[in-house]
Amino acid sequence: MGLGMEQDYGKALEYYQKAADLGDVSGLFNIGFMYQNGQGVEQDYDKAMECYQKAADLGEAYGYAGIGELYRCGYGVEKDLAKAAEYFKKARDLGADSPEILQTLNELGVDVPAEVR
């Protein structure tokens, strides 16, 4: 459900695309997330990877986390926990330090320094 309004994935995709077209890398990440999860679009892991990679190439920490998640789960790629850990570490190093990222790193056996826990 949207905050204060009815959820509309089509409208969300439209605005994320406008943001991405204006150079907002979080728009690219969000489009990738929609494709990964089939939210308002047909689920397409290749398109998700493409969006995440573009976002990561532009320095978006969560773009790396998105790629890591695809490798962690084997969505559209061969499951590779070592690669997943690399991408999640890169995301953390770029500032993605949400509890979900830190928990995933921990689950992948990556030491998370106490100062970022």
PDB file of N, CA and C in Angstrom:
ATOM      1  N   MET A   1       0.840  -1.177   0.000  1.00  0.00           N
ATOM      2  CA  MET A   1       0.000   0.000   0.000  1.00  0.00           C
ATOM      3  C   MET A   1       0.881   1.235   0.000  1.00  0.00           C
ATOM      4  N   GLY A   2       0.507   2.250  -0.764  1.00  0.00           N
ATOM      5  CA  GLY A   2       1.226   3.518  -0.777  1.00  0.00           C
ATOM      6  C   GLY A   2       0.980   4.287   0.502  1.00  0.00           C
ATOM      7  N   LEU A   3       1.837   5.218   0.770  1.00  0.00           N
ATOM      8  CA  LEU A   3       1.679   6.043   1.970  1.00  0.00           C
ATOM      9  C   LEU A   3       0.724   7.191   1.667  1.00  0.00           C
ATOM     10  N   GLY A   4      -0.472   7.127   2.211  1.00  0.00           N
ATOM     11  CA  GLY A   4      -1.455   8.184   2.031  1.00  0.00           C
ATOM     12  C   GLY A   4      -2.186   8.141   0.703  1.00  0.00           C
ATOM     13  N   MET A   5      -1.948   7.123  -0.091  1.00  0.00           N
ATOM     14  CA  MET A   5      -2.628   6.999  -1.377  1.00  0.00           C
ATOM     15  C   MET A   5      -2.655   5.542  -1.781  1.00  0.00           C
ATOM     16  N   GLU A   6      -3.463   5.260  -2.776  1.00  0.00           N
ATOM     17  CA  GLU A   6      -3.541   3.889  -3.271  1.00  0.00           C
ATOM     18  C   GLU A   6      -2.251   3.537  -4.011  1.00  0.00           C
ATOM     19  N   GLN A   7      -1.768   2.323  -3.806  1.00  0.00           N
ATOM     20  CA  GLN A   7      -0.541   1.880  -4.444  1.00  0.00           C
ATOM     21  C   GLN A   7      -0.764   1.728  -5.945  1.00  0.00           C
ATOM     22  N   ASP A   8       0.169   2.260  -6.729  1.00  0.00           N
ATOM     23  CA  ASP A   8       0.057   2.210  -8.179  1.00  0.00           C
ATOM     24  C   ASP A   8       1.449   1.954  -8.751  1.00  0.00           C
ATOM     25  N   TYR A   9       1.757   0.677  -9.031  1.00  0.00           N
ATOM     26  CA  TYR A   9       3.084   0.327  -9.529  1.00  0.00           C
ATOM     27  C   TYR A   9       3.379   0.968 -10.880  1.00  0.00           C
ATOM     28  N   GLY A  10       2.359   1.099 -11.714  1.00  0.00           N
ATOM     29  CA  GLY A  10       2.558   1.733 -13.018  1.00  0.00           C
ATOM     30  C   GLY A  10       3.018   3.170 -12.870  1.00  0.00           C
ATOM     31  N   LYS A  11       2.387   3.888 -11.952  1.00  0.00           N
ATOM     32  CA  LYS A  11       2.759   5.280 -11.704  1.00  0.00           C
ATOM     33  C   LYS A  11       4.149   5.347 -11.075  1.00  0.00           C
ATOM     34  N   ALA A  12       4.425   4.405 -10.167  1.00  0.00           N
ATOM     35  CA  ALA A  12       5.755   4.362  -9.546  1.00  0.00           C
ATOM     36  C   ALA A  12       6.823   4.159 -10.615  1.00  0.00           C
ATOM     37  N   LEU A  13       6.606   3.198 -11.513  1.00  0.00           N
ATOM     38  CA  LEU A  13       7.572   2.938 -12.577  1.00  0.00           C
ATOM     39  C   LEU A  13       7.774   4.186 -13.437  1.00  0.00           C
ATOM     40  N   GLU A  14       6.694   4.859 -13.749  1.00  0.00           N
ATOM     41  CA  GLU A  14       6.772   6.082 -14.558  1.00  0.00           C
ATOM     42  C   GLU A  14       7.666   7.120 -13.877  1.00  0.00           C
ATOM     43  N   TYR A  15       7.465   7.339 -12.581  1.00  0.00           N
ATOM     44  CA  TYR A  15       8.256   8.342 -11.866  1.00  0.00           C
ATOM     45  C   TYR A  15       9.699   7.891 -11.656  1.00  0.00           C
ATOM     46  N   TYR A  16       9.907   6.609 -11.391  1.00  0.00           N
ATOM     47  CA  TYR A  16      11.276   6.112 -11.277  1.00  0.00           C
ATOM     48  C   TYR A  16      12.016   6.279 -12.598  1.00  0.00           C
ATOM     49  N   GLN A  17      11.322   6.031 -13.713  1.00  0.00           N
ATOM     50  CA  GLN A  17      11.954   6.187 -15.026  1.00  0.00           C
ATOM     51  C   GLN A  17      12.290   7.648 -15.289  1.00  0.00           C
ATOM     52  N   LYS A  18      11.391   8.547 -14.920  1.00  0.00           N
ATOM     53  CA  LYS A  18      11.680   9.983 -15.083  1.00  0.00           C
ATOM     54  C   LYS A  18      12.896  10.363 -14.251  1.00  0.00           C
ATOM     55  N   ALA A  19      12.954   9.873 -13.029  1.00  0.00           N
ATOM     56  CA  ALA A  19      14.098  10.165 -12.160  1.00  0.00           C
ATOM     57  C   ALA A  19      15.377   9.617 -12.781  1.00  0.00           C
ATOM     58  N   ALA A  20      15.326   8.375 -13.271  1.00  0.00           N
ATOM     59  CA  ALA A  20      16.509   7.768 -13.890  1.00  0.00           C
ATOM     60  C   ALA A  20      16.944   8.564 -15.114  1.00  0.00           C
ATOM     61  N   ASP A  21      15.979   9.007 -15.920  1.00  0.00           N
ATOM     62  CA  ASP A  21      16.292   9.791 -17.114  1.00  0.00           C
ATOM     63  C   ASP A  21      16.963  11.113 -16.761  1.00  0.00           C
ATOM     64  N   LEU A  22      16.685  11.613 -15.568  1.00  0.00           N
ATOM     65  CA  LEU A  22      17.296  12.865 -15.100  1.00  0.00           C
ATOM     66  C   LEU A  22      18.607  12.614 -14.350  1.00  0.00           C
ATOM     67  N   GLY A  23      19.050  11.354 -14.340  1.00  0.00           N
ATOM     68  CA  GLY A  23      20.321  11.023 -13.726  1.00  0.00           C
ATOM     69  C   GLY A  23      20.256  10.588 -12.273  1.00  0.00           C
ATOM     70  N   ASP A  24      19.064  10.351 -11.756  1.00  0.00           N
ATOM     71  CA  ASP A  24      18.913   9.901 -10.369  1.00  0.00           C
ATOM     72  C   ASP A  24      19.140   8.393 -10.319  1.00  0.00           C
ATOM     73  N   VAL A  25      20.283   7.991  -9.730  1.00  0.00           N
ATOM     74  CA  VAL A  25      20.631   6.571  -9.723  1.00  0.00           C
ATOM     75  C   VAL A  25      19.706   5.740  -8.844  1.00  0.00           C
ATOM     76  N   SER A  26      19.084   6.354  -7.854  1.00  0.00           N
ATOM     77  CA  SER A  26      18.139   5.581  -7.040  1.00  0.00           C
ATOM     78  C   SER A  26      16.913   5.198  -7.873  1.00  0.00           C
ATOM     79  N   GLY A  27      16.584   5.987  -8.877  1.00  0.00           N
ATOM     80  CA  GLY A  27      15.505   5.622  -9.790  1.00  0.00           C
ATOM     81  C   GLY A  27      15.841   4.338 -10.533  1.00  0.00           C
ATOM     82  N   LEU A  28      17.096   4.221 -10.979  1.00  0.00           N
ATOM     83  CA  LEU A  28      17.537   2.992 -11.645  1.00  0.00           C
ATOM     84  C   LEU A  28      17.435   1.800 -10.706  1.00  0.00           C
ATOM     85  N   PHE A  29      17.893   1.982  -9.460  1.00  0.00           N
ATOM     86  CA  PHE A  29      17.811   0.890  -8.489  1.00  0.00           C
ATOM     87  C   PHE A  29      16.357   0.461  -8.300  1.00  0.00           C
ATOM     88  N   ASN A  30      15.471   1.417  -8.133  1.00  0.00           N
ATOM     89  CA  ASN A  30      14.063   1.091  -7.882  1.00  0.00           C
ATOM     90  C   ASN A  30      13.407   0.399  -9.068  1.00  0.00           C
ATOM     91  N   ILE A  31      13.792   0.772 -10.274  1.00  0.00           N
ATOM     92  CA  ILE A  31      13.279   0.072 -11.456  1.00  0.00           C
ATOM     93  C   ILE A  31      13.771  -1.375 -11.429  1.00  0.00           C
ATOM     94  N   GLY A  32      15.044  -1.560 -11.098  1.00  0.00           N
ATOM     95  CA  GLY A  32      15.583  -2.911 -10.979  1.00  0.00           C
ATOM     96  C   GLY A  32      14.836  -3.734  -9.949  1.00  0.00           C
ATOM     97  N   PHE A  33      14.530  -3.112  -8.818  1.00  0.00           N
ATOM     98  CA  PHE A  33      13.797  -3.797  -7.751  1.00  0.00           C
ATOM     99  C   PHE A  33      12.415  -4.229  -8.237  1.00  0.00           C
ATOM    100  N   MET A  34      11.770  -3.357  -9.011  1.00  0.00           N
ATOM    101  CA  MET A  34      10.448  -3.697  -9.532  1.00  0.00           C
ATOM    102  C   MET A  34      10.534  -4.900 -10.477  1.00  0.00           C
ATOM    103  N   TYR A  35      11.558  -4.921 -11.343  1.00  0.00           N
ATOM    104  CA  TYR A  35      11.722  -6.059 -12.243  1.00  0.00           C
ATOM    105  C   TYR A  35      12.094  -7.324 -11.477  1.00  0.00           C
ATOM    106  N   GLN A  36      12.928  -7.198 -10.461  1.00  0.00           N
ATOM    107  CA  GLN A  36      13.307  -8.372  -9.668  1.00  0.00           C
ATOM    108  C   GLN A  36      12.089  -9.011  -9.016  1.00  0.00           C
ATOM    109  N   ASN A  37      11.185  -8.180  -8.545  1.00  0.00           N
ATOM    110  CA  ASN A  37      10.045  -8.670  -7.776  1.00  0.00           C
ATOM    111  C   ASN A  37       8.741  -8.733  -8.557  1.00  0.00           C
ATOM    112  N   GLY A  38       8.761  -8.360  -9.820  1.00  0.00           N
ATOM    113  CA  GLY A  38       7.548  -8.403 -10.626  1.00  0.00           C
ATOM    114  C   GLY A  38       6.481  -7.448 -10.126  1.00  0.00           C
ATOM    115  N   GLN A  39       6.895  -6.273  -9.697  1.00  0.00           N
ATOM    116  CA  GLN A  39       5.948  -5.273  -9.182  1.00  0.00           C
ATOM    117  C   GLN A  39       5.547  -4.313 -10.300  1.00  0.00           C
ATOM    118  N   GLY A  40       4.378  -4.538 -10.854  1.00  0.00           N
ATOM    119  CA  GLY A  40       3.866  -3.672 -11.911  1.00  0.00           C
ATOM    120  C   GLY A  40       4.454  -3.959 -13.275  1.00  0.00           C
ATOM    121  N   VAL A  41       5.378  -4.907 -13.344  1.00  0.00           N
ATOM    122  CA  VAL A  41       6.011  -5.329 -14.587  1.00  0.00           C
ATOM    123  C   VAL A  41       6.147  -6.847 -14.530  1.00  0.00           C
ATOM    124  N   GLU A  42       6.378  -7.459 -15.679  1.00  0.00           N
ATOM    125  CA  GLU A  42       6.647  -8.887 -15.674  1.00  0.00           C
ATOM    126  C   GLU A  42       8.018  -9.108 -15.035  1.00  0.00           C
ATOM    127  N   GLN A  43       8.104 -10.060 -14.143  1.00  0.00           N
ATOM    128  CA  GLN A  43       9.376 -10.333 -13.472  1.00  0.00           C
ATOM    129  C   GLN A  43      10.430 -10.661 -14.511  1.00  0.00           C
ATOM    130  N   ASP A  44      11.576  -9.964 -14.421  1.00  0.00           N
ATOM    131  CA  ASP A  44      12.631 -10.131 -15.413  1.00  0.00           C
ATOM    132  C   ASP A  44      13.963  -9.881 -14.724  1.00  0.00           C
ATOM    133  N   TYR A  45      14.652 -10.962 -14.380  1.00  0.00           N
ATOM    134  CA  TYR A  45      15.912 -10.836 -13.649  1.00  0.00           C
ATOM    135  C   TYR A  45      17.009 -10.201 -14.494  1.00  0.00           C
ATOM    136  N   ASP A  46      16.980 -10.412 -15.811  1.00  0.00           N
ATOM    137  CA  ASP A  46      17.981  -9.781 -16.672  1.00  0.00           C
ATOM    138  C   ASP A  46      17.828  -8.264 -16.655  1.00  0.00           C
ATOM    139  N   LYS A  47      16.593  -7.784 -16.735  1.00  0.00           N
ATOM    140  CA  LYS A  47      16.366  -6.334 -16.678  1.00  0.00           C
ATOM    141  C   LYS A  47      16.720  -5.796 -15.299  1.00  0.00           C
ATOM    142  N   ALA A  48      16.435  -6.572 -14.253  1.00  0.00           N
ATOM    143  CA  ALA A  48      16.816  -6.149 -12.906  1.00  0.00           C
ATOM    144  C   ALA A  48      18.323  -5.999 -12.832  1.00  0.00           C
ATOM    145  N   MET A  49      19.063  -6.989 -13.321  1.00  0.00           N
ATOM    146  CA  MET A  49      20.522  -6.930 -13.301  1.00  0.00           C
ATOM    147  C   MET A  49      21.026  -5.727 -14.088  1.00  0.00           C
ATOM    148  N   GLU A  50      20.430  -5.488 -15.241  1.00  0.00           N
ATOM    149  CA  GLU A  50      20.840  -4.357 -16.066  1.00  0.00           C
ATOM    150  C   GLU A  50      20.670  -3.033 -15.310  1.00  0.00           C
ATOM    151  N   CYS A  51      19.544  -2.862 -14.655  1.00  0.00           N
ATOM    152  CA  CYS A  51      19.303  -1.627 -13.895  1.00  0.00           C
ATOM    153  C   CYS A  51      20.238  -1.523 -12.704  1.00  0.00           C
ATOM    154  N   TYR A  52      20.396  -2.621 -11.977  1.00  0.00           N
ATOM    155  CA  TYR A  52      21.300  -2.609 -10.828  1.00  0.00           C
ATOM    156  C   TYR A  52      22.729  -2.300 -11.269  1.00  0.00           C
ATOM    157  N   GLN A  53      23.161  -2.900 -12.382  1.00  0.00           N
ATOM    158  CA  GLN A  53      24.529  -2.676 -12.859  1.00  0.00           C
ATOM    159  C   GLN A  53      24.731  -1.224 -13.262  1.00  0.00           C
ATOM    160  N   LYS A  54      23.756  -0.642 -13.967  1.00  0.00           N
ATOM    161  CA  LYS A  54      23.853   0.771 -14.346  1.00  0.00           C
ATOM    162  C   LYS A  54      23.940   1.650 -13.108  1.00  0.00           C
ATOM    163  N   ALA A  55      23.105   1.357 -12.113  1.00  0.00           N
ATOM    164  CA  ALA A  55      23.120   2.136 -10.878  1.00  0.00           C
ATOM    165  C   ALA A  55      24.466   1.986 -10.169  1.00  0.00           C
ATOM    166  N   ALA A  56      24.966   0.750 -10.090  1.00  0.00           N
ATOM    167  CA  ALA A  56      26.254   0.499  -9.444  1.00  0.00           C
ATOM    168  C   ALA A  56      27.379   1.221 -10.182  1.00  0.00           C
ATOM    169  N   ASP A  57      27.356   1.173 -11.502  1.00  0.00           N
ATOM    170  CA  ASP A  57      28.385   1.844 -12.298  1.00  0.00           C
ATOM    171  C   ASP A  57      28.412   3.352 -12.042  1.00  0.00           C
ATOM    172  N   LEU A  58      27.257   3.883 -11.637  1.00  0.00           N
ATOM    173  CA  LEU A  58      27.160   5.312 -11.328  1.00  0.00           C
ATOM    174  C   LEU A  58      27.372   5.605  -9.849  1.00  0.00           C
ATOM    175  N   GLY A  59      27.773   4.581  -9.084  1.00  0.00           N
ATOM    176  CA  GLY A  59      28.124   4.774  -7.686  1.00  0.00           C
ATOM    177  C   GLY A  59      27.013   4.562  -6.681  1.00  0.00           C
ATOM    178  N   GLU A  60      25.885   4.017  -7.099  1.00  0.00           N
ATOM    179  CA  GLU A  60      24.770   3.766  -6.184  1.00  0.00           C
ATOM    180  C   GLU A  60      25.036   2.511  -5.366  1.00  0.00           C
ATOM    181  N   ALA A  61      25.208   2.683  -4.059  1.00  0.00           N
ATOM    182  CA  ALA A  61      25.524   1.566  -3.174  1.00  0.00           C
ATOM    183  C   ALA A  61      24.490   0.458  -3.273  1.00  0.00           C
ATOM    184  N   TYR A  62      23.228   0.820  -3.319  1.00  0.00           N
ATOM    185  CA  TYR A  62      22.190  -0.201  -3.349  1.00  0.00           C
ATOM    186  C   TYR A  62      22.110  -0.920  -4.689  1.00  0.00           C
ATOM    187  N   GLY A  63      22.707  -0.354  -5.727  1.00  0.00           N
ATOM    188  CA  GLY A  63      22.847  -1.088  -6.977  1.00  0.00           C
ATOM    189  C   GLY A  63      23.708  -2.328  -6.770  1.00  0.00           C
ATOM    190  N   TYR A  64      24.809  -2.147  -6.019  1.00  0.00           N
ATOM    191  CA  TYR A  64      25.660  -3.296  -5.689  1.00  0.00           C
ATOM    192  C   TYR A  64      24.907  -4.303  -4.830  1.00  0.00           C
ATOM    193  N   ALA A  65      24.109  -3.813  -3.889  1.00  0.00           N
ATOM    194  CA  ALA A  65      23.329  -4.712  -3.038  1.00  0.00           C
ATOM    195  C   ALA A  65      22.328  -5.504  -3.878  1.00  0.00           C
ATOM    196  N   GLY A  66      21.719  -4.855  -4.866  1.00  0.00           N
ATOM    197  CA  GLY A  66      20.780  -5.548  -5.744  1.00  0.00           C
ATOM    198  C   GLY A  66      21.460  -6.668  -6.515  1.00  0.00           C
ATOM    199  N   ILE A  67      22.655  -6.387  -7.037  1.00  0.00           N
ATOM    200  CA  ILE A  67      23.411  -7.425  -7.747  1.00  0.00           C
ATOM    201  C   ILE A  67      23.751  -8.553  -6.776  1.00  0.00           C
ATOM    202  N   GLY A  68      24.168  -8.182  -5.584  1.00  0.00           N
ATOM    203  CA  GLY A  68      24.479  -9.183  -4.569  1.00  0.00           C
ATOM    204  C   GLY A  68      23.303 -10.080  -4.266  1.00  0.00           C
ATOM    205  N   GLU A  69      22.129  -9.493  -4.190  1.00  0.00           N
ATOM    206  CA  GLU A  69      20.925 -10.285  -3.901  1.00  0.00           C
ATOM    207  C   GLU A  69      20.627 -11.267  -5.029  1.00  0.00           C
ATOM    208  N   LEU A  70      20.823 -10.840  -6.273  1.00  0.00           N
ATOM    209  CA  LEU A  70      20.601 -11.749  -7.398  1.00  0.00           C
ATOM    210  C   LEU A  70      21.549 -12.946  -7.306  1.00  0.00           C
ATOM    211  N   TYR A  71      22.818 -12.689  -6.979  1.00  0.00           N
ATOM    212  CA  TYR A  71      23.779 -13.791  -6.833  1.00  0.00           C
ATOM    213  C   TYR A  71      23.487 -14.629  -5.588  1.00  0.00           C
ATOM    214  N   ARG A  72      23.072 -14.008  -4.509  1.00  0.00           N
ATOM    215  CA  ARG A  72      22.785 -14.740  -3.275  1.00  0.00           C
ATOM    216  C   ARG A  72      21.653 -15.747  -3.471  1.00  0.00           C
ATOM    217  N   CYS A  73      20.654 -15.331  -4.237  1.00  0.00           N
ATOM    218  CA  CYS A  73      19.471 -16.176  -4.429  1.00  0.00           C
ATOM    219  C   CYS A  73      19.497 -16.981  -5.727  1.00  0.00           C
ATOM    220  N   GLY A  74      20.434 -16.667  -6.616  1.00  0.00           N
ATOM    221  CA  GLY A  74      20.462 -17.360  -7.905  1.00  0.00           C
ATOM    222  C   GLY A  74      19.352 -16.914  -8.829  1.00  0.00           C
ATOM    223  N   TYR A  75      18.965 -15.643  -8.740  1.00  0.00           N
ATOM    224  CA  TYR A  75      17.908 -15.102  -9.599  1.00  0.00           C
ATOM    225  C   TYR A  75      18.513 -14.630 -10.922  1.00  0.00           C
ATOM    226  N   GLY A  76      18.307 -15.403 -11.978  1.00  0.00           N
ATOM    227  CA  GLY A  76      18.788 -15.020 -13.302  1.00  0.00           C
ATOM    228  C   GLY A  76      20.272 -15.247 -13.516  1.00  0.00           C
ATOM    229  N   VAL A  77      20.963 -15.677 -12.490  1.00  0.00           N
ATOM    230  CA  VAL A  77      22.390 -15.981 -12.548  1.00  0.00           C
ATOM    231  C   VAL A  77      22.621 -17.247 -11.739  1.00  0.00           C
ATOM    232  N   GLU A  78      23.768 -17.861 -11.940  1.00  0.00           N
ATOM    233  CA  GLU A  78      24.097 -19.018 -11.110  1.00  0.00           C
ATOM    234  C   GLU A  78      24.342 -18.528  -9.681  1.00  0.00           C
ATOM    235  N   LYS A  79      23.760 -19.209  -8.727  1.00  0.00           N
ATOM    236  CA  LYS A  79      23.929 -18.838  -7.328  1.00  0.00           C
ATOM    237  C   LYS A  79      25.411 -18.875  -6.987  1.00  0.00           C
ATOM    238  N   ASP A  80      25.907 -17.762  -6.398  1.00  0.00           N
ATOM    239  CA  ASP A  80      27.332 -17.657  -6.080  1.00  0.00           C
ATOM    240  C   ASP A  80      27.458 -16.795  -4.827  1.00  0.00           C
ATOM    241  N   LEU A  81      27.582 -17.455  -3.688  1.00  0.00           N
ATOM    242  CA  LEU A  81      27.622 -16.730  -2.416  1.00  0.00           C
ATOM    243  C   LEU A  81      28.885 -15.890  -2.262  1.00  0.00           C
ATOM    244  N   ALA A  82      29.993 -16.332  -2.856  1.00  0.00           N
ATOM    245  CA  ALA A  82      31.226 -15.538  -2.791  1.00  0.00           C
ATOM    246  C   ALA A  82      31.049 -14.223  -3.552  1.00  0.00           C
ATOM    247  N   LYS A  83      30.457 -14.293  -4.747  1.00  0.00           N
ATOM    248  CA  LYS A  83      30.187 -13.070  -5.510  1.00  0.00           C
ATOM    249  C   LYS A  83      29.183 -12.194  -4.769  1.00  0.00           C
ATOM    250  N   ALA A  84      28.170 -12.829  -4.209  1.00  0.00           N
ATOM    251  CA  ALA A  84      27.169 -12.069  -3.454  1.00  0.00           C
ATOM    252  C   ALA A  84      27.842 -11.298  -2.338  1.00  0.00           C
ATOM    253  N   ALA A  85      28.723 -11.952  -1.601  1.00  0.00           N
ATOM    254  CA  ALA A  85      29.425 -11.288  -0.501  1.00  0.00           C
ATOM    255  C   ALA A  85      30.245 -10.116  -1.005  1.00  0.00           C
ATOM    256  N   GLU A  86      30.925 -10.272  -2.142  1.00  0.00           N
ATOM    257  CA  GLU A  86      31.718  -9.177  -2.715  1.00  0.00           C
ATOM    258  C   GLU A  86      30.836  -7.967  -3.003  1.00  0.00           C
ATOM    259  N   TYR A  87      29.690  -8.213  -3.622  1.00  0.00           N
ATOM    260  CA  TYR A  87      28.806  -7.107  -3.977  1.00  0.00           C
ATOM    261  C   TYR A  87      28.198  -6.449  -2.734  1.00  0.00           C
ATOM    262  N   PHE A  88      27.817  -7.252  -1.763  1.00  0.00           N
ATOM    263  CA  PHE A  88      27.279  -6.664  -0.535  1.00  0.00           C
ATOM    264  C   PHE A  88      28.349  -5.884   0.228  1.00  0.00           C
ATOM    265  N   LYS A  89      29.606  -6.362   0.216  1.00  0.00           N
ATOM    266  CA  LYS A  89      30.688  -5.603   0.853  1.00  0.00           C
ATOM    267  C   LYS A  89      30.891  -4.266   0.152  1.00  0.00           C
ATOM    268  N   LYS A  90      30.864  -4.276  -1.173  1.00  0.00           N
ATOM    269  CA  LYS A  90      31.013  -3.030  -1.937  1.00  0.00           C
ATOM    270  C   LYS A  90      29.867  -2.069  -1.590  1.00  0.00           C
ATOM    271  N   ALA A  91      28.666  -2.609  -1.472  1.00  0.00           N
ATOM    272  CA  ALA A  91      27.522  -1.769  -1.100  1.00  0.00           C
ATOM    273  C   ALA A  91      27.757  -1.144   0.274  1.00  0.00           C
ATOM    274  N   ARG A  92      28.185  -1.961   1.223  1.00  0.00           N
ATOM    275  CA  ARG A  92      28.456  -1.444   2.576  1.00  0.00           C
ATOM    276  C   ARG A  92      29.553  -0.381   2.538  1.00  0.00           C
ATOM    277  N   ASP A  93      30.614  -0.642   1.780  1.00  0.00           N
ATOM    278  CA  ASP A  93      31.727   0.298   1.697  1.00  0.00           C
ATOM    279  C   ASP A  93      31.306   1.640   1.112  1.00  0.00           C
ATOM    280  N   LEU A  94      30.263   1.615   0.284  1.00  0.00           N
ATOM    281  CA  LEU A  94      29.749   2.850  -0.316  1.00  0.00           C
ATOM    282  C   LEU A  94      28.651   3.499   0.521  1.00  0.00           C
ATOM    283  N   GLY A  95      28.359   2.927   1.692  1.00  0.00           N
ATOM    284  CA  GLY A  95      27.412   3.568   2.601  1.00  0.00           C
ATOM    285  C   GLY A  95      26.095   2.870   2.815  1.00  0.00           C
ATOM    286  N   ALA A  96      25.878   1.742   2.163  1.00  0.00           N
ATOM    287  CA  ALA A  96      24.632   0.993   2.372  1.00  0.00           C
ATOM    288  C   ALA A  96      24.788   0.177   3.643  1.00  0.00           C
ATOM    289  N   ASP A  97      24.335   0.749   4.750  1.00  0.00           N
ATOM    290  CA  ASP A  97      24.528   0.073   6.031  1.00  0.00           C
ATOM    291  C   ASP A  97      23.205  -0.167   6.753  1.00  0.00           C
ATOM    292  N   SER A  98      22.179  -0.458   5.972  1.00  0.00           N
ATOM    293  CA  SER A  98      20.879  -0.762   6.565  1.00  0.00           C
ATOM    294  C   SER A  98      20.994  -2.068   7.339  1.00  0.00           C
ATOM    295  N   PRO A  99      20.114  -2.281   8.294  1.00  0.00           N
ATOM    296  CA  PRO A  99      20.146  -3.551   9.037  1.00  0.00           C
ATOM    297  C   PRO A  99      20.059  -4.775   8.127  1.00  0.00           C
ATOM    298  N   GLU A 100      19.305  -4.685   7.031  1.00  0.00           N
ATOM    299  CA  GLU A 100      19.171  -5.813   6.116  1.00  0.00           C
ATOM    300  C   GLU A 100      20.508  -6.134   5.437  1.00  0.00           C
ATOM    301  N   ILE A 101      21.237  -5.094   5.043  1.00  0.00           N
ATOM    302  CA  ILE A 101      22.541  -5.297   4.403  1.00  0.00           C
ATOM    303  C   ILE A 101      23.508  -5.935   5.395  1.00  0.00           C
ATOM    304  N   LEU A 102      23.549  -5.397   6.604  1.00  0.00           N
ATOM    305  CA  LEU A 102      24.470  -5.909   7.610  1.00  0.00           C
ATOM    306  C   LEU A 102      24.120  -7.348   7.998  1.00  0.00           C
ATOM    307  N   GLN A 103      22.831  -7.652   8.098  1.00  0.00           N
ATOM    308  CA  GLN A 103      22.406  -9.013   8.413  1.00  0.00           C
ATOM    309  C   GLN A 103      22.816  -9.965   7.292  1.00  0.00           C
ATOM    310  N   THR A 104      22.623  -9.543   6.052  1.00  0.00           N
ATOM    311  CA  THR A 104      22.993 -10.385   4.915  1.00  0.00           C
ATOM    312  C   THR A 104      24.489 -10.641   4.909  1.00  0.00           C
ATOM    313  N   LEU A 105      25.287  -9.599   5.167  1.00  0.00           N
ATOM    314  CA  LEU A 105      26.734  -9.784   5.242  1.00  0.00           C
ATOM    315  C   LEU A 105      27.089 -10.797   6.325  1.00  0.00           C
ATOM    316  N   ASN A 106      26.453 -10.655   7.467  1.00  0.00           N
ATOM    317  CA  ASN A 106      26.693 -11.581   8.566  1.00  0.00           C
ATOM    318  C   ASN A 106      26.342 -13.009   8.157  1.00  0.00           C
ATOM    319  N   GLU A 107      25.192 -13.189   7.502  1.00  0.00           N
ATOM    320  CA  GLU A 107      24.762 -14.519   7.053  1.00  0.00           C
ATOM    321  C   GLU A 107      25.722 -15.109   6.024  1.00  0.00           C
ATOM    322  N   LEU A 108      26.376 -14.232   5.253  1.00  0.00           N
ATOM    323  CA  LEU A 108      27.333 -14.682   4.244  1.00  0.00           C
ATOM    324  C   LEU A 108      28.718 -14.908   4.836  1.00  0.00           C
ATOM    325  N   GLY A 109      28.839 -14.690   6.141  1.00  0.00           N
ATOM    326  CA  GLY A 109      30.100 -14.936   6.826  1.00  0.00           C
ATOM    327  C   GLY A 109      31.105 -13.816   6.720  1.00  0.00           C
ATOM    328  N   VAL A 110      30.623 -12.620   6.380  1.00  0.00           N
ATOM    329  CA  VAL A 110      31.503 -11.466   6.264  1.00  0.00           C
ATOM    330  C   VAL A 110      31.514 -10.732   7.601  1.00  0.00           C
ATOM    331  N   ASP A 111      32.709 -10.468   8.094  1.00  0.00           N
ATOM    332  CA  ASP A 111      32.842  -9.752   9.365  1.00  0.00           C
ATOM    333  C   ASP A 111      32.326  -8.327   9.194  1.00  0.00           C
ATOM    334  N   VAL A 112      31.423  -7.927  10.071  1.00  0.00           N
ATOM    335  CA  VAL A 112      30.877  -6.570  10.068  1.00  0.00           C
ATOM    336  C   VAL A 112      31.478  -5.849  11.272  1.00  0.00           C
ATOM    337  N   PRO A 113      32.309  -4.821  11.017  1.00  0.00           N
ATOM    338  CA  PRO A 113      32.933  -4.097  12.122  1.00  0.00           C
ATOM    339  C   PRO A 113      31.891  -3.572  13.110  1.00  0.00           C
ATOM    340  N   ALA A 114      32.250  -3.598  14.381  1.00  0.00           N
ATOM    341  CA  ALA A 114      31.316  -3.182  15.447  1.00  0.00           C
ATOM    342  C   ALA A 114      30.818  -1.772  15.246  1.00  0.00           C
ATOM    343  N   GLU A 115      31.647  -0.892  14.695  1.00  0.00           N
ATOM    344  CA  GLU A 115      31.225   0.506  14.553  1.00  0.00           C
ATOM    345  C   GLU A 115      30.110   0.711  13.540  1.00  0.00           C
ATOM    346  N   VAL A 116      29.845  -0.283  12.674  1.00  0.00           N
ATOM    347  CA  VAL A 116      28.733  -0.139  11.725  1.00  0.00           C
ATOM    348  C   VAL A 116      27.555  -1.024  12.076  1.00  0.00           C
ATOM    349  N   ARG A 117      27.637  -1.772  13.159  1.00  0.00           N
ATOM    350  CA  ARG A 117      26.516  -2.626  13.564  1.00  0.00           C
ATOM    351  C   ARG A 117      25.451  -1.829  14.253  1.00  0.00           C
TER     352      ARG A 117
END
